[in-house]
PDB file of N, CA and C in Angstrom:
ATOM      1  N   MET A   1       0.827  -1.179   0.000  1.00  0.00           N
ATOM      2  CA  MET A   1       0.000   0.000   0.000  1.00  0.00           C
ATOM      3  C   MET A   1       0.874   1.246   0.000  1.00  0.00           C
ATOM      4  N   ASP A   2       1.917   1.231   0.834  1.00  0.00           N
ATOM      5  CA  ASP A   2       2.791   2.394   0.904  1.00  0.00           C
ATOM      6  C   ASP A   2       3.448   2.691  -0.441  1.00  0.00           C
ATOM      7  N   SER A   3       3.924   1.656  -1.102  1.00  0.00           N
ATOM      8  CA  SER A   3       4.624   1.879  -2.370  1.00  0.00           C
ATOM      9  C   SER A   3       3.691   2.419  -3.459  1.00  0.00           C
ATOM     10  N   GLN A   4       2.381   2.207  -3.292  1.00  0.00           N
ATOM     11  CA  GLN A   4       1.407   2.705  -4.257  1.00  0.00           C
ATOM     12  C   GLN A   4       0.724   3.993  -3.796  1.00  0.00           C
ATOM     13  N   GLY A   5       1.145   4.513  -2.658  1.00  0.00           N
ATOM     14  CA  GLY A   5       0.572   5.758  -2.147  1.00  0.00           C
ATOM     15  C   GLY A   5      -0.840   5.597  -1.596  1.00  0.00           C
ATOM     16  N   ILE A   6      -1.160   4.405  -1.120  1.00  0.00           N
ATOM     17  CA  ILE A   6      -2.498   4.139  -0.580  1.00  0.00           C
ATOM     18  C   ILE A   6      -2.436   4.241   0.940  1.00  0.00           C
ATOM     19  N   ASP A   7      -3.216   5.156   1.492  1.00  0.00           N
ATOM     20  CA  ASP A   7      -3.233   5.372   2.934  1.00  0.00           C
ATOM     21  C   ASP A   7      -4.188   4.429   3.659  1.00  0.00           C
ATOM     22  N   MET A   8      -5.369   4.196   3.054  1.00  0.00           N
ATOM     23  CA  MET A   8      -6.415   3.410   3.712  1.00  0.00           C
ATOM     24  C   MET A   8      -7.106   2.564   2.663  1.00  0.00           C
ATOM     25  N   ARG A   9      -7.527   1.390   3.080  1.00  0.00           N
ATOM     26  CA  ARG A   9      -8.221   0.450   2.199  1.00  0.00           C
ATOM     27  C   ARG A   9      -9.477  -0.029   2.908  1.00  0.00           C
ATOM     28  N   VAL A  10     -10.578  -0.154   2.160  1.00  0.00           N
ATOM     29  CA  VAL A  10     -11.819  -0.692   2.701  1.00  0.00           C
ATOM     30  C   VAL A  10     -11.904  -2.162   2.294  1.00  0.00           C
ATOM     31  N   LEU A  11     -12.047  -3.039   3.294  1.00  0.00           N
ATOM     32  CA  LEU A  11     -12.081  -4.476   3.056  1.00  0.00           C
ATOM     33  C   LEU A  11     -13.522  -4.972   2.979  1.00  0.00           C
ATOM     34  N   SER A  12     -13.793  -5.815   1.973  1.00  0.00           N
ATOM     35  CA  SER A  12     -15.084  -6.488   1.871  1.00  0.00           C
ATOM     36  C   SER A  12     -14.888  -7.762   1.062  1.00  0.00           C
ATOM     37  N   LEU A  13     -15.797  -8.693   1.225  1.00  0.00           N
ATOM     38  CA  LEU A  13     -15.738  -9.959   0.500  1.00  0.00           C
ATOM     39  C   LEU A  13     -16.331  -9.768  -0.891  1.00  0.00           C
ATOM     40  N   SER A  14     -15.591 -10.169  -1.916  1.00  0.00           N
ATOM     41  CA  SER A  14     -16.076  -9.988  -3.290  1.00  0.00           C
ATOM     42  C   SER A  14     -17.094 -11.068  -3.662  1.00  0.00           C
ATOM     43  N   SER A  15     -17.592 -10.985  -4.873  1.00  0.00           N
ATOM     44  CA  SER A  15     -18.577 -11.950  -5.384  1.00  0.00           C
ATOM     45  C   SER A  15     -17.970 -13.331  -5.477  1.00  0.00           C
ATOM     46  N   PRO A  16     -18.706 -14.330  -5.134  1.00  0.00           N
ATOM     47  CA  PRO A  16     -20.155 -14.351  -4.856  1.00  0.00           C
ATOM     48  C   PRO A  16     -20.519 -14.107  -3.397  1.00  0.00           C
ATOM     49  N   ASN A  17     -19.615 -13.519  -2.640  1.00  0.00           N
ATOM     50  CA  ASN A  17     -19.857 -13.216  -1.228  1.00  0.00           C
ATOM     51  C   ASN A  17     -20.272 -14.484  -0.501  1.00  0.00           C
ATOM     52  N   VAL A  18     -21.273 -14.425   0.364  1.00  0.00           N
ATOM     53  CA  VAL A  18     -21.720 -15.616   1.093  1.00  0.00           C
ATOM     54  C   VAL A  18     -22.990 -16.200   0.481  1.00  0.00           C
ATOM     55  N   TYR A  19     -23.390 -15.698  -0.680  1.00  0.00           N
ATOM     56  CA  TYR A  19     -24.676 -16.053  -1.274  1.00  0.00           C
ATOM     57  C   TYR A  19     -24.753 -17.489  -1.780  1.00  0.00           C
ATOM     58  N   GLU A  20     -23.622 -18.140  -1.973  1.00  0.00           N
ATOM     59  CA  GLU A  20     -23.634 -19.518  -2.470  1.00  0.00           C
ATOM     60  C   GLU A  20     -24.048 -20.519  -1.399  1.00  0.00           C
ATOM     61  N   TRP A  21     -23.883 -20.167  -0.133  1.00  0.00           N
ATOM     62  CA  TRP A  21     -24.334 -21.029   0.949  1.00  0.00           C
ATOM     63  C   TRP A  21     -25.824 -20.817   1.144  1.00  0.00           C
ATOM     64  N   ARG A  22     -26.481 -21.769   1.783  1.00  0.00           N
ATOM     65  CA  ARG A  22     -27.922 -21.672   2.029  1.00  0.00           C
ATOM     66  C   ARG A  22     -28.214 -21.872   3.509  1.00  0.00           C
ATOM     67  N   GLY A  23     -29.328 -21.317   3.941  1.00  0.00           N
ATOM     68  CA  GLY A  23     -29.813 -21.528   5.298  1.00  0.00           C
ATOM     69  C   GLY A  23     -28.828 -21.103   6.369  1.00  0.00           C
ATOM     70  N   GLU A  24     -28.732 -21.920   7.390  1.00  0.00           N
ATOM     71  CA  GLU A  24     -27.878 -21.630   8.536  1.00  0.00           C
ATOM     72  C   GLU A  24     -26.409 -21.498   8.131  1.00  0.00           C
ATOM     73  N   ALA A  25     -25.998 -22.242   7.106  1.00  0.00           N
ATOM     74  CA  ALA A  25     -24.601 -22.161   6.652  1.00  0.00           C
ATOM     75  C   ALA A  25     -24.274 -20.756   6.148  1.00  0.00           C
ATOM     76  N   GLN A  26     -25.210 -20.108   5.485  1.00  0.00           N
ATOM     77  CA  GLN A  26     -24.978 -18.743   4.998  1.00  0.00           C
ATOM     78  C   GLN A  26     -24.847 -17.770   6.164  1.00  0.00           C
ATOM     79  N   ILE A  27     -25.663 -17.947   7.171  1.00  0.00           N
ATOM     80  CA  ILE A  27     -25.600 -17.088   8.354  1.00  0.00           C
ATOM     81  C   ILE A  27     -24.255 -17.272   9.063  1.00  0.00           C
ATOM     82  N   ARG A  28     -23.855 -18.530   9.265  1.00  0.00           N
ATOM     83  CA  ARG A  28     -22.569 -18.805   9.920  1.00  0.00           C
ATOM     84  C   ARG A  28     -21.402 -18.234   9.123  1.00  0.00           C
ATOM     85  N   MET A  29     -21.442 -18.384   7.796  1.00  0.00           N
ATOM     86  CA  MET A  29     -20.340 -17.889   6.965  1.00  0.00           C
ATOM     87  C   MET A  29     -20.274 -16.363   7.005  1.00  0.00           C
ATOM     88  N   ALA A  30     -21.412 -15.698   6.962  1.00  0.00           N
ATOM     89  CA  ALA A  30     -21.419 -14.230   7.048  1.00  0.00           C
ATOM     90  C   ALA A  30     -20.809 -13.778   8.374  1.00  0.00           C
ATOM     91  N   ARG A  31     -21.200 -14.416   9.453  1.00  0.00           N
ATOM     92  CA  ARG A  31     -20.655 -14.057  10.767  1.00  0.00           C
ATOM     93  C   ARG A  31     -19.146 -14.300  10.817  1.00  0.00           C
ATOM     94  N   HIS A  32     -18.714 -15.426  10.266  1.00  0.00           N
ATOM     95  CA  HIS A  32     -17.287 -15.749  10.262  1.00  0.00           C
ATOM     96  C   HIS A  32     -16.490 -14.714   9.450  1.00  0.00           C
ATOM     97  N   VAL A  33     -16.954 -14.419   8.255  1.00  0.00           N
ATOM     98  CA  VAL A  33     -16.272 -13.434   7.407  1.00  0.00           C
ATOM     99  C   VAL A  33     -16.229 -12.086   8.113  1.00  0.00           C
ATOM    100  N   ASN A  34     -17.322 -11.696   8.728  1.00  0.00           N
ATOM    101  CA  ASN A  34     -17.362 -10.400   9.418  1.00  0.00           C
ATOM    102  C   ASN A  34     -16.443 -10.373  10.633  1.00  0.00           C
ATOM    103  N   ASP A  35     -16.377 -11.483  11.344  1.00  0.00           N
ATOM    104  CA  ASP A  35     -15.449 -11.561  12.473  1.00  0.00           C
ATOM    105  C   ASP A  35     -13.999 -11.431  12.004  1.00  0.00           C
ATOM    106  N   MET A  36     -13.654 -12.101  10.915  1.00  0.00           N
ATOM    107  CA  MET A  36     -12.285 -12.045  10.392  1.00  0.00           C
ATOM    108  C   MET A  36     -11.958 -10.647   9.854  1.00  0.00           C
ATOM    109  N   THR A  37     -12.912 -10.034   9.174  1.00  0.00           N
ATOM    110  CA  THR A  37     -12.705  -8.670   8.677  1.00  0.00           C
ATOM    111  C   THR A  37     -12.492  -7.719   9.846  1.00  0.00           C
ATOM    112  N   ALA A  38     -13.319  -7.853  10.873  1.00  0.00           N
ATOM    113  CA  ALA A  38     -13.191  -6.986  12.053  1.00  0.00           C
ATOM    114  C   ALA A  38     -11.844  -7.173  12.739  1.00  0.00           C
ATOM    115  N   ALA A  39     -11.346  -8.408  12.780  1.00  0.00           N
ATOM    116  CA  ALA A  39     -10.046  -8.664  13.412  1.00  0.00           C
ATOM    117  C   ALA A  39      -8.925  -7.970  12.641  1.00  0.00           C
ATOM    118  N   LEU A  40      -8.984  -8.025  11.319  1.00  0.00           N
ATOM    119  CA  LEU A  40      -7.967  -7.333  10.505  1.00  0.00           C
ATOM    120  C   LEU A  40      -8.041  -5.826  10.700  1.00  0.00           C
ATOM    121  N   VAL A  41      -9.260  -5.304  10.715  1.00  0.00           N
ATOM    122  CA  VAL A  41      -9.437  -3.859  10.907  1.00  0.00           C
ATOM    123  C   VAL A  41      -8.921  -3.446  12.282  1.00  0.00           C
ATOM    124  N   LYS A  42      -9.249  -4.218  13.306  1.00  0.00           N
ATOM    125  CA  LYS A  42      -8.806  -3.880  14.664  1.00  0.00           C
ATOM    126  C   LYS A  42      -7.283  -3.905  14.774  1.00  0.00           C
ATOM    127  N   ALA A  43      -6.655  -4.876  14.122  1.00  0.00           N
ATOM    128  CA  ALA A  43      -5.198  -4.998  14.183  1.00  0.00           C
ATOM    129  C   ALA A  43      -4.486  -3.876  13.440  1.00  0.00           C
ATOM    130  N   HIS A  44      -5.167  -3.281  12.460  1.00  0.00           N
ATOM    131  CA  HIS A  44      -4.549  -2.240  11.627  1.00  0.00           C
ATOM    132  C   HIS A  44      -5.556  -1.126  11.348  1.00  0.00           C
ATOM    133  N   SER A  45      -6.136  -0.580  12.395  1.00  0.00           N
ATOM    134  CA  SER A  45      -7.209   0.403  12.234  1.00  0.00           C
ATOM    135  C   SER A  45      -6.765   1.687  11.553  1.00  0.00           C
ATOM    136  N   ASP A  46      -5.480   1.930  11.541  1.00  0.00           N
ATOM    137  CA  ASP A  46      -4.974   3.117  10.845  1.00  0.00           C
ATOM    138  C   ASP A  46      -4.892   2.900   9.330  1.00  0.00           C
ATOM    139  N   ARG A  47      -5.034   1.657   8.879  1.00  0.00           N
ATOM    140  CA  ARG A  47      -4.891   1.335   7.450  1.00  0.00           C
ATOM    141  C   ARG A  47      -6.135   0.736   6.816  1.00  0.00           C
ATOM    142  N   PHE A  48      -7.008   0.101   7.630  1.00  0.00           N
ATOM    143  CA  PHE A  48      -8.156  -0.618   7.083  1.00  0.00           C
ATOM    144  C   PHE A  48      -9.464  -0.195   7.735  1.00  0.00           C
ATOM    145  N   ALA A  49     -10.512  -0.189   6.926  1.00  0.00           N
ATOM    146  CA  ALA A  49     -11.900  -0.122   7.388  1.00  0.00           C
ATOM    147  C   ALA A  49     -12.583  -1.341   6.780  1.00  0.00           C
ATOM    148  N   GLY A  50     -13.733  -1.724   7.299  1.00  0.00           N
ATOM    149  CA  GLY A  50     -14.373  -2.926   6.798  1.00  0.00           C
ATOM    150  C   GLY A  50     -15.853  -2.776   6.551  1.00  0.00           C
ATOM    151  N   LEU A  51     -16.342  -3.545   5.567  1.00  0.00           N
ATOM    152  CA  LEU A  51     -17.766  -3.646   5.273  1.00  0.00           C
ATOM    153  C   LEU A  51     -18.213  -5.075   5.550  1.00  0.00           C
ATOM    154  N   ALA A  52     -19.379  -5.227   6.147  1.00  0.00           N
ATOM    155  CA  ALA A  52     -19.898  -6.538   6.515  1.00  0.00           C
ATOM    156  C   ALA A  52     -20.580  -7.218   5.338  1.00  0.00           C
ATOM    157  N   SER A  53     -20.536  -8.536   5.354  1.00  0.00           N
ATOM    158  CA  SER A  53     -21.325  -9.366   4.439  1.00  0.00           C
ATOM    159  C   SER A  53     -22.617  -9.741   5.148  1.00  0.00           C
ATOM    160  N   LEU A  54     -23.701  -9.872   4.386  1.00  0.00           N
ATOM    161  CA  LEU A  54     -24.997 -10.198   4.971  1.00  0.00           C
ATOM    162  C   LEU A  54     -25.555 -11.491   4.381  1.00  0.00           C
ATOM    163  N   PRO A  55     -26.239 -12.296   5.204  1.00  0.00           N
ATOM    164  CA  PRO A  55     -26.901 -13.498   4.696  1.00  0.00           C
ATOM    165  C   PRO A  55     -28.259 -13.122   4.093  1.00  0.00           C
ATOM    166  N   LEU A  56     -28.253 -12.557   2.897  1.00  0.00           N
ATOM    167  CA  LEU A  56     -29.444 -11.933   2.331  1.00  0.00           C
ATOM    168  C   LEU A  56     -30.609 -12.877   2.063  1.00  0.00           C
ATOM    169  N   HIS A  57     -30.394 -14.177   2.089  1.00  0.00           N
ATOM    170  CA  HIS A  57     -31.513 -15.102   1.935  1.00  0.00           C
ATOM    171  C   HIS A  57     -32.387 -15.138   3.186  1.00  0.00           C
ATOM    172  N   ASP A  58     -31.910 -14.557   4.271  1.00  0.00           N
ATOM    173  CA  ASP A  58     -32.654 -14.525   5.529  1.00  0.00           C
ATOM    174  C   ASP A  58     -32.685 -13.074   6.013  1.00  0.00           C
ATOM    175  N   ILE A  59     -33.812 -12.418   5.813  1.00  0.00           N
ATOM    176  CA  ILE A  59     -33.919 -10.985   6.118  1.00  0.00           C
ATOM    177  C   ILE A  59     -33.695 -10.712   7.597  1.00  0.00           C
ATOM    178  N   GLU A  60     -34.319 -11.501   8.471  1.00  0.00           N
ATOM    179  CA  GLU A  60     -34.158 -11.286   9.913  1.00  0.00           C
ATOM    180  C   GLU A  60     -32.700 -11.449  10.337  1.00  0.00           C
ATOM    181  N   ALA A  61     -32.045 -12.488   9.821  1.00  0.00           N
ATOM    182  CA  ALA A  61     -30.629 -12.701  10.144  1.00  0.00           C
ATOM    183  C   ALA A  61     -29.780 -11.555   9.600  1.00  0.00           C
ATOM    184  N   SER A  62     -30.145 -11.025   8.442  1.00  0.00           N
ATOM    185  CA  SER A  62     -29.409  -9.891   7.876  1.00  0.00           C
ATOM    186  C   SER A  62     -29.533  -8.653   8.751  1.00  0.00           C
ATOM    187  N   LEU A  63     -30.737  -8.384   9.235  1.00  0.00           N
ATOM    188  CA  LEU A  63     -30.936  -7.228  10.111  1.00  0.00           C
ATOM    189  C   LEU A  63     -30.147  -7.372  11.408  1.00  0.00           C
ATOM    190  N   LEU A  64     -30.142  -8.580  11.963  1.00  0.00           N
ATOM    191  CA  LEU A  64     -29.356  -8.826  13.177  1.00  0.00           C
ATOM    192  C   LEU A  64     -27.863  -8.659  12.901  1.00  0.00           C
ATOM    193  N   GLU A  65     -27.412  -9.118  11.733  1.00  0.00           N
ATOM    194  CA  GLU A  65     -25.986  -9.016  11.414  1.00  0.00           C
ATOM    195  C   GLU A  65     -25.569  -7.573  11.156  1.00  0.00           C
ATOM    196  N   ILE A  66     -26.451  -6.761  10.592  1.00  0.00           N
ATOM    197  CA  ILE A  66     -26.147  -5.339  10.430  1.00  0.00           C
ATOM    198  C   ILE A  66     -25.866  -4.716  11.789  1.00  0.00           C
ATOM    199  N   ASP A  67     -26.747  -4.979  12.748  1.00  0.00           N
ATOM    200  CA  ASP A  67     -26.555  -4.431  14.096  1.00  0.00           C
ATOM    201  C   ASP A  67     -25.265  -4.940  14.721  1.00  0.00           C
ATOM    202  N   ARG A  68     -25.025  -6.247  14.641  1.00  0.00           N
ATOM    203  CA  ARG A  68     -23.818  -6.831  15.237  1.00  0.00           C
ATOM    204  C   ARG A  68     -22.568  -6.270  14.580  1.00  0.00           C
ATOM    205  N   ALA A  69     -22.567  -6.206  13.263  1.00  0.00           N
ATOM    206  CA  ALA A  69     -21.378  -5.763  12.528  1.00  0.00           C
ATOM    207  C   ALA A  69     -21.048  -4.297  12.803  1.00  0.00           C
ATOM    208  N   THR A  70     -22.058  -3.459  12.866  1.00  0.00           N
ATOM    209  CA  THR A  70     -21.791  -2.035  13.037  1.00  0.00           C
ATOM    210  C   THR A  70     -21.648  -1.626  14.498  1.00  0.00           C
ATOM    211  N   GLN A  71     -22.360  -2.300  15.393  1.00  0.00           N
ATOM    212  CA  GLN A  71     -22.316  -1.906  16.802  1.00  0.00           C
ATOM    213  C   GLN A  71     -21.275  -2.669  17.611  1.00  0.00           C
ATOM    214  N   GLU A  72     -21.133  -3.963  17.347  1.00  0.00           N
ATOM    215  CA  GLU A  72     -20.181  -4.769  18.124  1.00  0.00           C
ATOM    216  C   GLU A  72     -18.819  -4.885  17.451  1.00  0.00           C
ATOM    217  N   LEU A  73     -18.826  -5.044  16.130  1.00  0.00           N
ATOM    218  CA  LEU A  73     -17.568  -5.269  15.410  1.00  0.00           C
ATOM    219  C   LEU A  73     -16.951  -3.980  14.869  1.00  0.00           C
ATOM    220  N   ASP A  74     -17.676  -2.892  14.946  1.00  0.00           N
ATOM    221  CA  ASP A  74     -17.202  -1.581  14.468  1.00  0.00           C
ATOM    222  C   ASP A  74     -16.871  -1.563  12.979  1.00  0.00           C
ATOM    223  N   LEU A  75     -17.599  -2.356  12.180  1.00  0.00           N
ATOM    224  CA  LEU A  75     -17.452  -2.252  10.731  1.00  0.00           C
ATOM    225  C   LEU A  75     -18.227  -1.032  10.266  1.00  0.00           C
ATOM    226  N   ARG A  76     -17.843  -0.459   9.141  1.00  0.00           N
ATOM    227  CA  ARG A  76     -18.366   0.843   8.712  1.00  0.00           C
ATOM    228  C   ARG A  76     -19.686   0.777   7.970  1.00  0.00           C
ATOM    229  N   GLY A  77     -20.063  -0.391   7.471  1.00  0.00           N
ATOM    230  CA  GLY A  77     -21.284  -0.533   6.691  1.00  0.00           C
ATOM    231  C   GLY A  77     -21.387  -1.950   6.176  1.00  0.00           C
ATOM    232  N   VAL A  78     -22.164  -2.133   5.127  1.00  0.00           N
ATOM    233  CA  VAL A  78     -22.377  -3.466   4.568  1.00  0.00           C
ATOM    234  C   VAL A  78     -22.065  -3.484   3.081  1.00  0.00           C
ATOM    235  N   MET A  79     -21.741  -4.659   2.590  1.00  0.00           N
ATOM    236  CA  MET A  79     -21.501  -4.886   1.173  1.00  0.00           C
ATOM    237  C   MET A  79     -22.670  -5.699   0.649  1.00  0.00           C
ATOM    238  N   ILE A  80     -23.305  -5.218  -0.408  1.00  0.00           N
ATOM    239  CA  ILE A  80     -24.400  -5.946  -1.044  1.00  0.00           C
ATOM    240  C   ILE A  80     -24.062  -6.078  -2.518  1.00  0.00           C
ATOM    241  N   GLY A  81     -24.077  -7.316  -3.011  1.00  0.00           N
ATOM    242  CA  GLY A  81     -23.789  -7.561  -4.419  1.00  0.00           C
ATOM    243  C   GLY A  81     -24.907  -7.070  -5.318  1.00  0.00           C
ATOM    244  N   SER A  82     -24.626  -6.976  -6.608  1.00  0.00           N
ATOM    245  CA  SER A  82     -25.633  -6.511  -7.563  1.00  0.00           C
ATOM    246  C   SER A  82     -26.696  -7.563  -7.826  1.00  0.00           C
ATOM    247  N   ASN A  83     -26.384  -8.832  -7.499  1.00  0.00           N
ATOM    248  CA  ASN A  83     -27.397  -9.880  -7.582  1.00  0.00           C
ATOM    249  C   ASN A  83     -27.076 -10.930  -6.532  1.00  0.00           C
ATOM    250  N   VAL A  84     -28.110 -11.652  -6.149  1.00  0.00           N
ATOM    251  CA  VAL A  84     -27.966 -12.712  -5.155  1.00  0.00           C
ATOM    252  C   VAL A  84     -28.503 -13.988  -5.787  1.00  0.00           C
ATOM    253  N   ALA A  85     -27.621 -14.979  -5.961  1.00  0.00           N
ATOM    254  CA  ALA A  85     -28.002 -16.256  -6.568  1.00  0.00           C
ATOM    255  C   ALA A  85     -28.646 -16.047  -7.927  1.00  0.00           C
ATOM    256  N   GLY A  86     -28.108 -15.109  -8.702  1.00  0.00           N
ATOM    257  CA  GLY A  86     -28.611 -14.851 -10.053  1.00  0.00           C
ATOM    258  C   GLY A  86     -29.820 -13.963 -10.131  1.00  0.00           C
ATOM    259  N   MET A  87     -30.342 -13.502  -9.019  1.00  0.00           N
ATOM    260  CA  MET A  87     -31.516 -12.624  -9.027  1.00  0.00           C
ATOM    261  C   MET A  87     -31.085 -11.198  -8.718  1.00  0.00           C
ATOM    262  N   GLN A  88     -31.550 -10.253  -9.532  1.00  0.00           N
ATOM    263  CA  GLN A  88     -31.257  -8.845  -9.297  1.00  0.00           C
ATOM    264  C   GLN A  88     -31.907  -8.384  -8.000  1.00  0.00           C
ATOM    265  N   LEU A  89     -31.351  -7.375  -7.363  1.00  0.00           N
ATOM    266  CA  LEU A  89     -31.855  -6.909  -6.072  1.00  0.00           C
ATOM    267  C   LEU A  89     -33.274  -6.354  -6.139  1.00  0.00           C
ATOM    268  N   ASP A  90     -33.737  -5.889  -7.307  1.00  0.00           N
ATOM    269  CA  ASP A  90     -35.077  -5.329  -7.405  1.00  0.00           C
ATOM    270  C   ASP A  90     -36.133  -6.357  -7.791  1.00  0.00           C
ATOM    271  N   GLU A  91     -35.772  -7.628  -7.877  1.00  0.00           N
ATOM    272  CA  GLU A  91     -36.760  -8.673  -8.177  1.00  0.00           C
ATOM    273  C   GLU A  91     -37.626  -8.928  -6.937  1.00  0.00           C
ATOM    274  N   PRO A  92     -38.908  -9.206  -7.167  1.00  0.00           N
ATOM    275  CA  PRO A  92     -39.805  -9.459  -6.015  1.00  0.00           C
ATOM    276  C   PRO A  92     -39.350 -10.660  -5.205  1.00  0.00           C
TER     277      PRO A  92
END
């Protein structure tokens, strides 16, 4: 980062994020990824910020994870892909 003149980097999980898992496995994976992201951010808070992954197949679990990620893990926000399991975000 230093050699490229980058002061801060925002960390998030790229596609397909946690969307390939289903049910409880997706919830567990989102929590695990968010815990690992938070640990990296905490270890290097002067260089990294983090965005949480959400288990979007479960709305209630996603809402709980938003609260946990932003209030307990101090992540800055959430990452939402342009589609989840091949469905666009604006599909019913």
